[in-house]
mmCIF file of all heavy atoms, coordinates in Angstrom:
data_MODEL
# 
_entry.id   MODEL 
# 
loop_
_atom_site.group_PDB 
_atom_site.id 
_atom_site.type_symbol 
_atom_site.label_atom_id 
_atom_site.label_alt_id 
_atom_site.label_comp_id 
_atom_site.label_asym_id 
_atom_site.label_entity_id 
_atom_site.label_seq_id 
_atom_site.pdbx_PDB_ins_code 
_atom_site.Cartn_x 
_atom_site.Cartn_y 
_atom_site.Cartn_z 
_atom_site.occupancy 
_atom_site.B_iso_or_equiv 
_atom_site.pdbx_formal_charge 
_atom_site.auth_seq_id 
_atom_site.auth_comp_id 
_atom_site.auth_asym_id 
_atom_site.auth_atom_id 
_atom_site.pdbx_PDB_model_num 
ATOM 1   N N   . GLY A 1 1  ? 161.862 110.960 231.467 1.00 0.00 ? 1  GLY A N   1 
ATOM 2   C CA  . GLY A 1 1  ? 162.598 110.185 230.421 1.00 0.00 ? 1  GLY A CA  1 
ATOM 3   C C   . GLY A 1 1  ? 162.729 110.965 229.117 1.00 0.00 ? 1  GLY A C   1 
ATOM 4   O O   . GLY A 1 1  ? 162.828 112.202 229.132 1.00 0.00 ? 1  GLY A O   1 
ATOM 5   N N   . CYS A 1 2  ? 162.513 110.248 228.012 1.00 0.00 ? 2  CYS A N   1 
ATOM 6   C CA  . CYS A 1 2  ? 162.599 110.940 226.691 1.00 0.00 ? 2  CYS A CA  1 
ATOM 7   C C   . CYS A 1 2  ? 161.382 111.774 226.380 1.00 0.00 ? 2  CYS A C   1 
ATOM 8   O O   . CYS A 1 2  ? 160.247 111.294 226.473 1.00 0.00 ? 2  CYS A O   1 
ATOM 9   C CB  . CYS A 1 2  ? 162.793 109.881 225.614 1.00 0.00 ? 2  CYS A CB  1 
ATOM 10  S SG  . CYS A 1 2  ? 162.812 110.508 223.876 1.00 0.00 ? 2  CYS A SG  1 
ATOM 11  N N   . ALA A 1 3  ? 161.561 113.009 226.040 1.00 0.00 ? 3  ALA A N   1 
ATOM 12  C CA  . ALA A 1 3  ? 160.456 113.933 225.817 1.00 0.00 ? 3  ALA A CA  1 
ATOM 13  C C   . ALA A 1 3  ? 159.673 113.547 224.499 1.00 0.00 ? 3  ALA A C   1 
ATOM 14  O O   . ALA A 1 3  ? 158.541 114.001 224.311 1.00 0.00 ? 3  ALA A O   1 
ATOM 15  C CB  . ALA A 1 3  ? 160.930 115.379 225.760 1.00 0.00 ? 3  ALA A CB  1 
ATOM 16  N N   . PHE A 1 4  ? 160.271 112.831 223.620 1.00 0.00 ? 4  PHE A N   1 
ATOM 17  C CA  . PHE A 1 4  ? 159.711 112.502 222.313 1.00 0.00 ? 4  PHE A CA  1 
ATOM 18  C C   . PHE A 1 4  ? 158.877 111.163 222.395 1.00 0.00 ? 4  PHE A C   1 
ATOM 19  O O   . PHE A 1 4  ? 158.187 110.776 221.479 1.00 0.00 ? 4  PHE A O   1 
ATOM 20  C CB  . PHE A 1 4  ? 160.811 112.333 221.278 1.00 0.00 ? 4  PHE A CB  1 
ATOM 21  C CG  . PHE A 1 4  ? 160.277 112.161 219.821 1.00 0.00 ? 4  PHE A CG  1 
ATOM 22  C CD1 . PHE A 1 4  ? 159.494 113.149 219.294 1.00 0.00 ? 4  PHE A CD1 1 
ATOM 23  C CD2 . PHE A 1 4  ? 160.545 110.973 219.141 1.00 0.00 ? 4  PHE A CD2 1 
ATOM 24  C CE1 . PHE A 1 4  ? 159.040 112.976 217.951 1.00 0.00 ? 4  PHE A CE1 1 
ATOM 25  C CE2 . PHE A 1 4  ? 160.030 110.841 217.851 1.00 0.00 ? 4  PHE A CE2 1 
ATOM 26  C CZ  . PHE A 1 4  ? 159.280 111.834 217.190 1.00 0.00 ? 4  PHE A CZ  1 
ATOM 27  N N   . GLN A 1 5  ? 158.859 110.466 223.517 1.00 0.00 ? 5  GLN A N   1 
ATOM 28  C CA  . GLN A 1 5  ? 158.290 109.168 223.595 1.00 0.00 ? 5  GLN A CA  1 
ATOM 29  C C   . GLN A 1 5  ? 156.804 109.046 223.214 1.00 0.00 ? 5  GLN A C   1 
ATOM 30  O O   . GLN A 1 5  ? 156.438 108.050 222.636 1.00 0.00 ? 5  GLN A O   1 
ATOM 31  C CB  . GLN A 1 5  ? 158.462 108.590 225.059 1.00 0.00 ? 5  GLN A CB  1 
ATOM 32  C CG  . GLN A 1 5  ? 157.721 109.475 226.122 1.00 0.00 ? 5  GLN A CG  1 
ATOM 33  C CD  . GLN A 1 5  ? 157.906 108.916 227.485 1.00 0.00 ? 5  GLN A CD  1 
ATOM 34  O OE1 . GLN A 1 5  ? 157.278 108.081 227.986 1.00 0.00 ? 5  GLN A OE1 1 
ATOM 35  N NE2 . GLN A 1 5  ? 158.924 109.587 228.254 1.00 0.00 ? 5  GLN A NE2 1 
ATOM 36  N N   . GLU A 1 6  ? 156.012 110.080 223.484 1.00 0.00 ? 6  GLU A N   1 
ATOM 37  C CA  . GLU A 1 6  ? 154.591 110.004 223.155 1.00 0.00 ? 6  GLU A CA  1 
ATOM 38  C C   . GLU A 1 6  ? 154.292 110.116 221.701 1.00 0.00 ? 6  GLU A C   1 
ATOM 39  O O   . GLU A 1 6  ? 153.225 109.799 221.174 1.00 0.00 ? 6  GLU A O   1 
ATOM 40  C CB  . GLU A 1 6  ? 153.842 111.046 223.920 1.00 0.00 ? 6  GLU A CB  1 
ATOM 41  C CG  . GLU A 1 6  ? 153.859 110.823 225.496 1.00 0.00 ? 6  GLU A CG  1 
ATOM 42  C CD  . GLU A 1 6  ? 153.162 111.903 226.266 1.00 0.00 ? 6  GLU A CD  1 
ATOM 43  O OE1 . GLU A 1 6  ? 152.640 112.848 225.529 1.00 0.00 ? 6  GLU A OE1 1 
ATOM 44  O OE2 . GLU A 1 6  ? 153.158 111.830 227.499 1.00 0.00 ? 6  GLU A OE2 1 
ATOM 45  N N   . ARG A 1 7  ? 155.329 110.591 220.892 1.00 0.00 ? 7  ARG A N   1 
ATOM 46  C CA  . ARG A 1 7  ? 155.177 110.723 219.452 1.00 0.00 ? 7  ARG A CA  1 
ATOM 47  C C   . ARG A 1 7  ? 155.945 109.679 218.698 1.00 0.00 ? 7  ARG A C   1 
ATOM 48  O O   . ARG A 1 7  ? 155.919 109.706 217.462 1.00 0.00 ? 7  ARG A O   1 
ATOM 49  C CB  . ARG A 1 7  ? 155.638 112.132 219.049 1.00 0.00 ? 7  ARG A CB  1 
ATOM 50  C CG  . ARG A 1 7  ? 154.972 113.300 219.809 1.00 0.00 ? 7  ARG A CG  1 
ATOM 51  C CD  . ARG A 1 7  ? 155.532 114.670 219.395 1.00 0.00 ? 7  ARG A CD  1 
ATOM 52  N NE  . ARG A 1 7  ? 155.175 115.031 218.068 1.00 0.00 ? 7  ARG A NE  1 
ATOM 53  C CZ  . ARG A 1 7  ? 155.625 116.107 217.429 1.00 0.00 ? 7  ARG A CZ  1 
ATOM 54  N NH1 . ARG A 1 7  ? 156.557 116.874 218.021 1.00 0.00 ? 7  ARG A NH1 1 
ATOM 55  N NH2 . ARG A 1 7  ? 155.260 116.423 216.257 1.00 0.00 ? 7  ARG A NH2 1 
ATOM 56  N N   . CYS A 1 8  ? 156.620 108.838 219.387 1.00 0.00 ? 8  CYS A N   1 
ATOM 57  C CA  . CYS A 1 8  ? 157.615 107.921 218.787 1.00 0.00 ? 8  CYS A CA  1 
ATOM 58  C C   . CYS A 1 8  ? 156.976 106.504 218.562 1.00 0.00 ? 8  CYS A C   1 
ATOM 59  O O   . CYS A 1 8  ? 156.461 105.879 219.639 1.00 0.00 ? 8  CYS A O   1 
ATOM 60  C CB  . CYS A 1 8  ? 158.864 107.865 219.607 1.00 0.00 ? 8  CYS A CB  1 
ATOM 61  S SG  . CYS A 1 8  ? 160.113 106.734 218.871 1.00 0.00 ? 8  CYS A SG  1 
ATOM 62  N N   . ARG A 1 9  ? 157.006 106.009 217.396 1.00 0.00 ? 9  ARG A N   1 
ATOM 63  C CA  . ARG A 1 9  ? 156.374 104.651 217.169 1.00 0.00 ? 9  ARG A CA  1 
ATOM 64  C C   . ARG A 1 9  ? 157.250 103.537 217.710 1.00 0.00 ? 9  ARG A C   1 
ATOM 65  O O   . ARG A 1 9  ? 156.795 102.362 217.774 1.00 0.00 ? 9  ARG A O   1 
ATOM 66  C CB  . ARG A 1 9  ? 156.104 104.441 215.710 1.00 0.00 ? 9  ARG A CB  1 
ATOM 67  C CG  . ARG A 1 9  ? 157.294 104.522 214.785 1.00 0.00 ? 9  ARG A CG  1 
ATOM 68  C CD  . ARG A 1 9  ? 156.861 104.602 213.326 1.00 0.00 ? 9  ARG A CD  1 
ATOM 69  N NE  . ARG A 1 9  ? 157.993 104.676 212.407 1.00 0.00 ? 9  ARG A NE  1 
ATOM 70  C CZ  . ARG A 1 9  ? 158.490 103.727 211.678 1.00 0.00 ? 9  ARG A CZ  1 
ATOM 71  N NH1 . ARG A 1 9  ? 157.971 102.486 211.821 1.00 0.00 ? 9  ARG A NH1 1 
ATOM 72  N NH2 . ARG A 1 9  ? 159.443 103.895 210.874 1.00 0.00 ? 9  ARG A NH2 1 
ATOM 73  N N   . PHE A 1 10 ? 158.467 103.804 218.176 1.00 0.00 ? 10 PHE A N   1 
ATOM 74  C CA  . PHE A 1 10 ? 159.396 102.822 218.620 1.00 0.00 ? 10 PHE A CA  1 
ATOM 75  C C   . PHE A 1 10 ? 159.470 102.830 220.208 1.00 0.00 ? 10 PHE A C   1 
ATOM 76  O O   . PHE A 1 10 ? 160.285 102.087 220.753 1.00 0.00 ? 10 PHE A O   1 
ATOM 77  C CB  . PHE A 1 10 ? 160.791 102.950 218.046 1.00 0.00 ? 10 PHE A CB  1 
ATOM 78  C CG  . PHE A 1 10 ? 160.825 102.981 216.582 1.00 0.00 ? 10 PHE A CG  1 
ATOM 79  C CD1 . PHE A 1 10 ? 161.229 104.055 215.840 1.00 0.00 ? 10 PHE A CD1 1 
ATOM 80  C CD2 . PHE A 1 10 ? 160.348 101.845 215.842 1.00 0.00 ? 10 PHE A CD2 1 
ATOM 81  C CE1 . PHE A 1 10 ? 161.268 104.127 214.493 1.00 0.00 ? 10 PHE A CE1 1 
ATOM 82  C CE2 . PHE A 1 10 ? 160.446 101.892 214.429 1.00 0.00 ? 10 PHE A CE2 1 
ATOM 83  C CZ  . PHE A 1 10 ? 160.843 103.024 213.742 1.00 0.00 ? 10 PHE A CZ  1 
ATOM 84  N N   . SER A 1 11 ? 158.798 103.753 220.866 1.00 0.00 ? 11 SER A N   1 
ATOM 85  C CA  . SER A 1 11 ? 158.969 103.914 222.317 1.00 0.00 ? 11 SER A CA  1 
ATOM 86  C C   . SER A 1 11 ? 158.487 102.678 223.065 1.00 0.00 ? 11 SER A C   1 
ATOM 87  O O   . SER A 1 11 ? 157.498 101.945 222.593 1.00 0.00 ? 11 SER A O   1 
ATOM 88  C CB  . SER A 1 11 ? 158.191 105.108 222.791 1.00 0.00 ? 11 SER A CB  1 
ATOM 89  O OG  . SER A 1 11 ? 156.819 105.005 222.640 1.00 0.00 ? 11 SER A OG  1 
ATOM 90  N N   . ASP A 1 12 ? 159.088 102.391 224.188 1.00 0.00 ? 12 ASP A N   1 
ATOM 91  C CA  . ASP A 1 12 ? 158.660 101.307 225.054 1.00 0.00 ? 12 ASP A CA  1 
ATOM 92  C C   . ASP A 1 12 ? 158.982 101.791 226.500 1.00 0.00 ? 12 ASP A C   1 
ATOM 93  O O   . ASP A 1 12 ? 159.282 102.999 226.737 1.00 0.00 ? 12 ASP A O   1 
ATOM 94  C CB  . ASP A 1 12 ? 159.405 100.044 224.761 1.00 0.00 ? 12 ASP A CB  1 
ATOM 95  C CG  . ASP A 1 12 ? 160.901 100.183 224.819 1.00 0.00 ? 12 ASP A CG  1 
ATOM 96  O OD1 . ASP A 1 12 ? 161.359 101.109 225.531 1.00 0.00 ? 12 ASP A OD1 1 
ATOM 97  O OD2 . ASP A 1 12 ? 161.617 99.390  224.183 1.00 0.00 ? 12 ASP A OD2 1 
ATOM 98  N N   . ARG A 1 13 ? 158.818 100.943 227.465 1.00 0.00 ? 13 ARG A N   1 
ATOM 99  C CA  . ARG A 1 13 ? 158.941 101.329 228.922 1.00 0.00 ? 13 ARG A CA  1 
ATOM 100 C C   . ARG A 1 13 ? 160.348 101.853 229.237 1.00 0.00 ? 13 ARG A C   1 
ATOM 101 O O   . ARG A 1 13 ? 160.512 102.645 230.138 1.00 0.00 ? 13 ARG A O   1 
ATOM 102 C CB  . ARG A 1 13 ? 158.680 100.105 229.778 1.00 0.00 ? 13 ARG A CB  1 
ATOM 103 C CG  . ARG A 1 13 ? 157.203 99.594  229.747 1.00 0.00 ? 13 ARG A CG  1 
ATOM 104 C CD  . ARG A 1 13 ? 156.946 98.493  230.730 1.00 0.00 ? 13 ARG A CD  1 
ATOM 105 N NE  . ARG A 1 13 ? 157.182 98.889  232.071 1.00 0.00 ? 13 ARG A NE  1 
ATOM 106 C CZ  . ARG A 1 13 ? 156.305 99.593  232.816 1.00 0.00 ? 13 ARG A CZ  1 
ATOM 107 N NH1 . ARG A 1 13 ? 155.077 99.878  232.341 1.00 0.00 ? 13 ARG A NH1 1 
ATOM 108 N NH2 . ARG A 1 13 ? 156.522 99.932  234.107 1.00 0.00 ? 13 ARG A NH2 1 
ATOM 109 N N   . LYS A 1 14 ? 161.323 101.441 228.487 1.00 0.00 ? 14 LYS A N   1 
ATOM 110 C CA  . LYS A 1 14 ? 162.668 101.930 228.719 1.00 0.00 ? 14 LYS A CA  1 
ATOM 111 C C   . LYS A 1 14 ? 162.752 103.487 228.524 1.00 0.00 ? 14 LYS A C   1 
ATOM 112 O O   . LYS A 1 14 ? 163.551 104.161 229.167 1.00 0.00 ? 14 LYS A O   1 
ATOM 113 C CB  . LYS A 1 14 ? 163.692 101.245 227.761 1.00 0.00 ? 14 LYS A CB  1 
ATOM 114 C CG  . LYS A 1 14 ? 165.117 101.454 228.145 1.00 0.00 ? 14 LYS A CG  1 
ATOM 115 C CD  . LYS A 1 14 ? 165.532 100.747 229.411 1.00 0.00 ? 14 LYS A CD  1 
ATOM 116 C CE  . LYS A 1 14 ? 166.964 100.762 229.679 1.00 0.00 ? 14 LYS A CE  1 
ATOM 117 N NZ  . LYS A 1 14 ? 167.308 100.198 230.990 1.00 0.00 ? 14 LYS A NZ  1 
ATOM 118 N N   . CYS A 1 15 ? 161.863 103.951 227.664 1.00 0.00 ? 15 CYS A N   1 
ATOM 119 C CA  . CYS A 1 15 ? 161.941 105.427 227.297 1.00 0.00 ? 15 CYS A CA  1 
ATOM 120 C C   . CYS A 1 15 ? 161.465 106.301 228.467 1.00 0.00 ? 15 CYS A C   1 
ATOM 121 O O   . CYS A 1 15 ? 161.486 107.473 228.381 1.00 0.00 ? 15 CYS A O   1 
ATOM 122 C CB  . CYS A 1 15 ? 161.091 105.676 226.057 1.00 0.00 ? 15 CYS A CB  1 
ATOM 123 S SG  . CYS A 1 15 ? 161.719 104.726 224.617 1.00 0.00 ? 15 CYS A SG  1 
ATOM 124 N N   . LEU A 1 16 ? 160.898 105.669 229.548 1.00 0.00 ? 16 LEU A N   1 
ATOM 125 C CA  . LEU A 1 16 ? 160.477 106.411 230.732 1.00 0.00 ? 16 LEU A CA  1 
ATOM 126 C C   . LEU A 1 16 ? 161.740 106.900 231.536 1.00 0.00 ? 16 LEU A C   1 
ATOM 127 O O   . LEU A 1 16 ? 161.623 107.692 232.421 1.00 0.00 ? 16 LEU A O   1 
ATOM 128 C CB  . LEU A 1 16 ? 159.596 105.589 231.659 1.00 0.00 ? 16 LEU A CB  1 
ATOM 129 C CG  . LEU A 1 16 ? 158.249 105.242 231.022 1.00 0.00 ? 16 LEU A CG  1 
ATOM 130 C CD1 . LEU A 1 16 ? 157.484 104.246 231.872 1.00 0.00 ? 16 LEU A CD1 1 
ATOM 131 C CD2 . LEU A 1 16 ? 157.406 106.504 230.811 1.00 0.00 ? 16 LEU A CD2 1 
ATOM 132 N N   . GLU A 1 17 ? 162.900 106.403 231.171 1.00 0.00 ? 17 GLU A N   1 
ATOM 133 C CA  . GLU A 1 17 ? 164.195 106.761 231.809 1.00 0.00 ? 17 GLU A CA  1 
ATOM 134 C C   . GLU A 1 17 ? 164.949 107.692 230.823 1.00 0.00 ? 17 GLU A C   1 
ATOM 135 O O   . GLU A 1 17 ? 164.753 107.639 229.592 1.00 0.00 ? 17 GLU A O   1 
ATOM 136 C CB  . GLU A 1 17 ? 165.086 105.535 232.088 1.00 0.00 ? 17 GLU A CB  1 
ATOM 137 C CG  . GLU A 1 17 ? 164.340 104.522 232.993 1.00 0.00 ? 17 GLU A CG  1 
ATOM 138 C CD  . GLU A 1 17 ? 165.220 103.255 233.125 1.00 0.00 ? 17 GLU A CD  1 
ATOM 139 O OE1 . GLU A 1 17 ? 166.399 103.372 233.000 1.00 0.00 ? 17 GLU A OE1 1 
ATOM 140 O OE2 . GLU A 1 17 ? 164.590 102.221 233.222 1.00 0.00 ? 17 GLU A OE2 1 
ATOM 141 N N   . ASP A 1 18 ? 165.731 108.642 231.483 1.00 0.00 ? 18 ASP A N   1 
ATOM 142 C CA  . ASP A 1 18 ? 166.525 109.479 230.545 1.00 0.00 ? 18 ASP A CA  1 
ATOM 143 C C   . ASP A 1 18 ? 167.404 108.655 229.617 1.00 0.00 ? 18 ASP A C   1 
ATOM 144 O O   . ASP A 1 18 ? 168.235 107.825 230.129 1.00 0.00 ? 18 ASP A O   1 
ATOM 145 C CB  . ASP A 1 18 ? 167.376 110.422 231.435 1.00 0.00 ? 18 ASP A CB  1 
ATOM 146 C CG  . ASP A 1 18 ? 166.507 111.570 231.955 1.00 0.00 ? 18 ASP A CG  1 
ATOM 147 O OD1 . ASP A 1 18 ? 165.546 111.938 231.384 1.00 0.00 ? 18 ASP A OD1 1 
ATOM 148 O OD2 . ASP A 1 18 ? 166.833 112.059 233.123 1.00 0.00 ? 18 ASP A OD2 1 
ATOM 149 N N   . PRO A 1 19 ? 167.370 108.879 228.310 1.00 0.00 ? 19 PRO A N   1 
ATOM 150 C CA  . PRO A 1 19 ? 168.209 108.123 227.410 1.00 0.00 ? 19 PRO A CA  1 
ATOM 151 C C   . PRO A 1 19 ? 169.686 108.555 227.531 1.00 0.00 ? 19 PRO A C   1 
ATOM 152 O O   . PRO A 1 19 ? 169.979 109.710 227.766 1.00 0.00 ? 19 PRO A O   1 
ATOM 153 C CB  . PRO A 1 19 ? 167.631 108.471 225.990 1.00 0.00 ? 19 PRO A CB  1 
ATOM 154 C CG  . PRO A 1 19 ? 166.950 109.727 226.197 1.00 0.00 ? 19 PRO A CG  1 
ATOM 155 C CD  . PRO A 1 19 ? 166.478 109.852 227.587 1.00 0.00 ? 19 PRO A CD  1 
ATOM 156 N N   . PRO A 1 20 ? 170.650 107.639 227.314 1.00 0.00 ? 20 PRO A N   1 
ATOM 157 C CA  . PRO A 1 20 ? 172.064 108.027 227.329 1.00 0.00 ? 20 PRO A CA  1 
ATOM 158 C C   . PRO A 1 20 ? 172.495 108.544 225.931 1.00 0.00 ? 20 PRO A C   1 
ATOM 159 O O   . PRO A 1 20 ? 171.839 108.367 224.924 1.00 0.00 ? 20 PRO A O   1 
ATOM 160 C CB  . PRO A 1 20 ? 172.717 106.669 227.635 1.00 0.00 ? 20 PRO A CB  1 
ATOM 161 C CG  . PRO A 1 20 ? 171.786 105.690 226.903 1.00 0.00 ? 20 PRO A CG  1 
ATOM 162 C CD  . PRO A 1 20 ? 170.399 106.214 227.025 1.00 0.00 ? 20 PRO A CD  1 
ATOM 163 N N   . TRP A 1 21 ? 173.737 109.120 225.980 1.00 0.00 ? 21 TRP A N   1 
ATOM 164 C CA  . TRP A 1 21 ? 174.318 109.425 224.665 1.00 0.00 ? 21 TRP A CA  1 
ATOM 165 C C   . TRP A 1 21 ? 174.981 108.150 224.068 1.00 0.00 ? 21 TRP A C   1 
ATOM 166 O O   . TRP A 1 21 ? 175.652 107.418 224.753 1.00 0.00 ? 21 TRP A O   1 
ATOM 167 C CB  . TRP A 1 21 ? 175.404 110.491 224.821 1.00 0.00 ? 21 TRP A CB  1 
ATOM 168 C CG  . TRP A 1 21 ? 174.933 111.917 224.828 1.00 0.00 ? 21 TRP A CG  1 
ATOM 169 C CD1 . TRP A 1 21 ? 174.861 112.727 225.915 1.00 0.00 ? 21 TRP A CD1 1 
ATOM 170 C CD2 . TRP A 1 21 ? 174.304 112.653 223.736 1.00 0.00 ? 21 TRP A CD2 1 
ATOM 171 N NE1 . TRP A 1 21 ? 174.329 113.936 225.555 1.00 0.00 ? 21 TRP A NE1 1 
ATOM 172 C CE2 . TRP A 1 21 ? 174.008 113.911 224.231 1.00 0.00 ? 21 TRP A CE2 1 
ATOM 173 C CE3 . TRP A 1 21 ? 174.147 112.315 222.321 1.00 0.00 ? 21 TRP A CE3 1 
ATOM 174 C CZ2 . TRP A 1 21 ? 173.443 114.936 223.381 1.00 0.00 ? 21 TRP A CZ2 1 
ATOM 175 C CZ3 . TRP A 1 21 ? 173.558 113.330 221.600 1.00 0.00 ? 21 TRP A CZ3 1 
ATOM 176 C CH2 . TRP A 1 21 ? 173.211 114.575 222.054 1.00 0.00 ? 21 TRP A CH2 1 
ATOM 177 N N   . ILE A 1 22 ? 174.690 107.888 222.845 1.00 0.00 ? 22 ILE A N   1 
ATOM 178 C CA  . ILE A 1 22 ? 175.257 106.725 222.115 1.00 0.00 ? 22 ILE A CA  1 
ATOM 179 C C   . ILE A 1 22 ? 176.031 107.182 220.914 1.00 0.00 ? 22 ILE A C   1 
ATOM 180 O O   . ILE A 1 22 ? 175.571 108.070 220.128 1.00 0.00 ? 22 ILE A O   1 
ATOM 181 C CB  . ILE A 1 22 ? 174.155 105.709 221.680 1.00 0.00 ? 22 ILE A CB  1 
ATOM 182 C CG1 . ILE A 1 22 ? 173.476 105.122 222.913 1.00 0.00 ? 22 ILE A CG1 1 
ATOM 183 C CG2 . ILE A 1 22 ? 174.774 104.569 220.780 1.00 0.00 ? 22 ILE A CG2 1 
ATOM 184 C CD1 . ILE A 1 22 ? 172.215 104.340 222.572 1.00 0.00 ? 22 ILE A CD1 1 
ATOM 185 N N   . GLU A 1 23 ? 177.285 106.755 220.783 1.00 0.00 ? 23 GLU A N   1 
ATOM 186 C CA  . GLU A 1 23 ? 178.020 107.047 219.616 1.00 0.00 ? 23 GLU A CA  1 
ATOM 187 C C   . GLU A 1 23 ? 177.790 106.074 218.514 1.00 0.00 ? 23 GLU A C   1 
ATOM 188 O O   . GLU A 1 23 ? 178.080 104.974 218.544 1.00 0.00 ? 23 GLU A O   1 
ATOM 189 C CB  . GLU A 1 23 ? 179.511 107.097 219.898 1.00 0.00 ? 23 GLU A CB  1 
ATOM 190 C CG  . GLU A 1 23 ? 180.409 107.574 218.742 1.00 0.00 ? 23 GLU A CG  1 
ATOM 191 C CD  . GLU A 1 23 ? 181.873 107.815 219.100 1.00 0.00 ? 23 GLU A CD  1 
ATOM 192 O OE1 . GLU A 1 23 ? 182.285 107.217 220.173 1.00 0.00 ? 23 GLU A OE1 1 
ATOM 193 O OE2 . GLU A 1 23 ? 182.504 108.563 218.387 1.00 0.00 ? 23 GLU A OE2 1 
ATOM 194 N N   . ILE A 1 24 ? 177.171 106.583 217.435 1.00 0.00 ? 24 ILE A N   1 
ATOM 195 C CA  . ILE A 1 24 ? 176.871 105.801 216.203 1.00 0.00 ? 24 ILE A CA  1 
ATOM 196 C C   . ILE A 1 24 ? 178.132 105.526 215.351 1.00 0.00 ? 24 ILE A C   1 
ATOM 197 O O   . ILE A 1 24 ? 178.475 104.395 215.097 1.00 0.00 ? 24 ILE A O   1 
ATOM 198 C CB  . ILE A 1 24 ? 175.772 106.465 215.335 1.00 0.00 ? 24 ILE A CB  1 
ATOM 199 C CG1 . ILE A 1 24 ? 174.542 106.754 216.168 1.00 0.00 ? 24 ILE A CG1 1 
ATOM 200 C CG2 . ILE A 1 24 ? 175.478 105.641 214.139 1.00 0.00 ? 24 ILE A CG2 1 
ATOM 201 C CD1 . ILE A 1 24 ? 173.834 105.516 216.726 1.00 0.00 ? 24 ILE A CD1 1 
ATOM 202 N N   . ARG A 1 25 ? 178.730 106.621 215.033 1.00 0.00 ? 25 ARG A N   1 
ATOM 203 C CA  . ARG A 1 25 ? 180.043 106.597 214.412 1.00 0.00 ? 25 ARG A CA  1 
ATOM 204 C C   . ARG A 1 25 ? 180.840 107.897 214.877 1.00 0.00 ? 25 ARG A C   1 
ATOM 205 O O   . ARG A 1 25 ? 180.295 108.680 215.578 1.00 0.00 ? 25 ARG A O   1 
ATOM 206 C CB  . ARG A 1 25 ? 179.915 106.682 212.832 1.00 0.00 ? 25 ARG A CB  1 
ATOM 207 C CG  . ARG A 1 25 ? 179.693 105.287 212.241 1.00 0.00 ? 25 ARG A CG  1 
ATOM 208 C CD  . ARG A 1 25 ? 179.386 105.493 210.769 1.00 0.00 ? 25 ARG A CD  1 
ATOM 209 N NE  . ARG A 1 25 ? 178.092 105.993 210.506 1.00 0.00 ? 25 ARG A NE  1 
ATOM 210 C CZ  . ARG A 1 25 ? 176.947 105.296 210.573 1.00 0.00 ? 25 ARG A CZ  1 
ATOM 211 N NH1 . ARG A 1 25 ? 177.007 103.998 210.855 1.00 0.00 ? 25 ARG A NH1 1 
ATOM 212 N NH2 . ARG A 1 25 ? 175.762 105.878 210.345 1.00 0.00 ? 25 ARG A NH2 1 
ATOM 213 N N   . GLN A 1 26 ? 182.089 107.931 214.563 1.00 0.00 ? 26 GLN A N   1 
ATOM 214 C CA  . GLN A 1 26 ? 182.907 109.025 215.001 1.00 0.00 ? 26 GLN A CA  1 
ATOM 215 C C   . GLN A 1 26 ? 182.230 110.417 214.658 1.00 0.00 ? 26 GLN A C   1 
ATOM 216 O O   . GLN A 1 26 ? 181.973 110.623 213.420 1.00 0.00 ? 26 GLN A O   1 
ATOM 217 C CB  . GLN A 1 26 ? 184.338 109.027 214.452 1.00 0.00 ? 26 GLN A CB  1 
ATOM 218 C CG  . GLN A 1 26 ? 185.183 110.083 215.117 1.00 0.00 ? 26 GLN A CG  1 
ATOM 219 C CD  . GLN A 1 26 ? 186.673 109.937 214.657 1.00 0.00 ? 26 GLN A CD  1 
ATOM 220 O OE1 . GLN A 1 26 ? 186.983 109.152 213.710 1.00 0.00 ? 26 GLN A OE1 1 
ATOM 221 N NE2 . GLN A 1 26 ? 187.537 110.732 215.250 1.00 0.00 ? 26 GLN A NE2 1 
# 
């Protein structure tokens, strides 16, 4: 999953899967 998960204060079980690309704004 996400390589940053162990250092991230917001990580949860979902982060064990590869995260998708999300468009915040153009």
